[in-house]
Amino acid sequence: MFAERAPNIELKGPYNTTGDPTKEFQIWSELVATNPDALGFVGVCSQDEEALGQIKRKQAGAEYLIAGTDESATTLKDIKEGVAAGTVGQNPYLQGYLSIYYLIQKTALEQSIPEGWINVGTEVVTPKNINEVLKRAANIDATREHYKPIIEEILANLRRRLNNDDTTELREAAEQQRQIVQIRLRKWLAE
């Protein structure tokens, strides 16, 4: 899909940036320096965007785009200030909420819980929605209010799926993953 939309752009990587914040900065500095005509850099862990943001801030007039995969305070600040083009957040509130919810269901209430992985989705954050994300991140009541309908939908879906046989569940999960990937790609490319 990317090659069709941008046939004259060469993708490079992936590169192992290690996940170690001290090494990340050095590795990204080298990648930026050795690719002076790059249109952009995308990191896949939280430290990547933060390292890229530090590098870009030190380069007056840097025009390349940077993006990441985390909603850290630094990443959100970089988006707000125009340093980063965006990020794909992993919904840590949902990850924590649903984990604790099902821990209580299983241990304290001795109820059946879904097996396997619960997809909490992702959130694309760009300059278009950064103010909304920052407002929500600064106030726990706003965070709860935002996630309440999402949590209700996920829980209703999981309760319904508890009765699926293995074949039906695998088919349904695979179809949902296909749909989620398509939605995310469309949203990201539309930004």
Foldseek 3Di string as FASTA:
>chain_A
DVCVVCVPDDDDDDDCQPPDLVSNLVVVVVVCVVCVPAQEDEEEDPSNQVSQLVVQVVDPPDRHAYEYADDDPSRLVCQQVVNHFWYKHQPVVVVVVVVVVVVCCCPVVVHDFDDDDQRLAIDIDGNVCSVVVVVCVVDVVSVCVVCVVSVVVSVVVRVVCVPDDPVVVVVVVVVVVVVRVVVVVVVVVVD
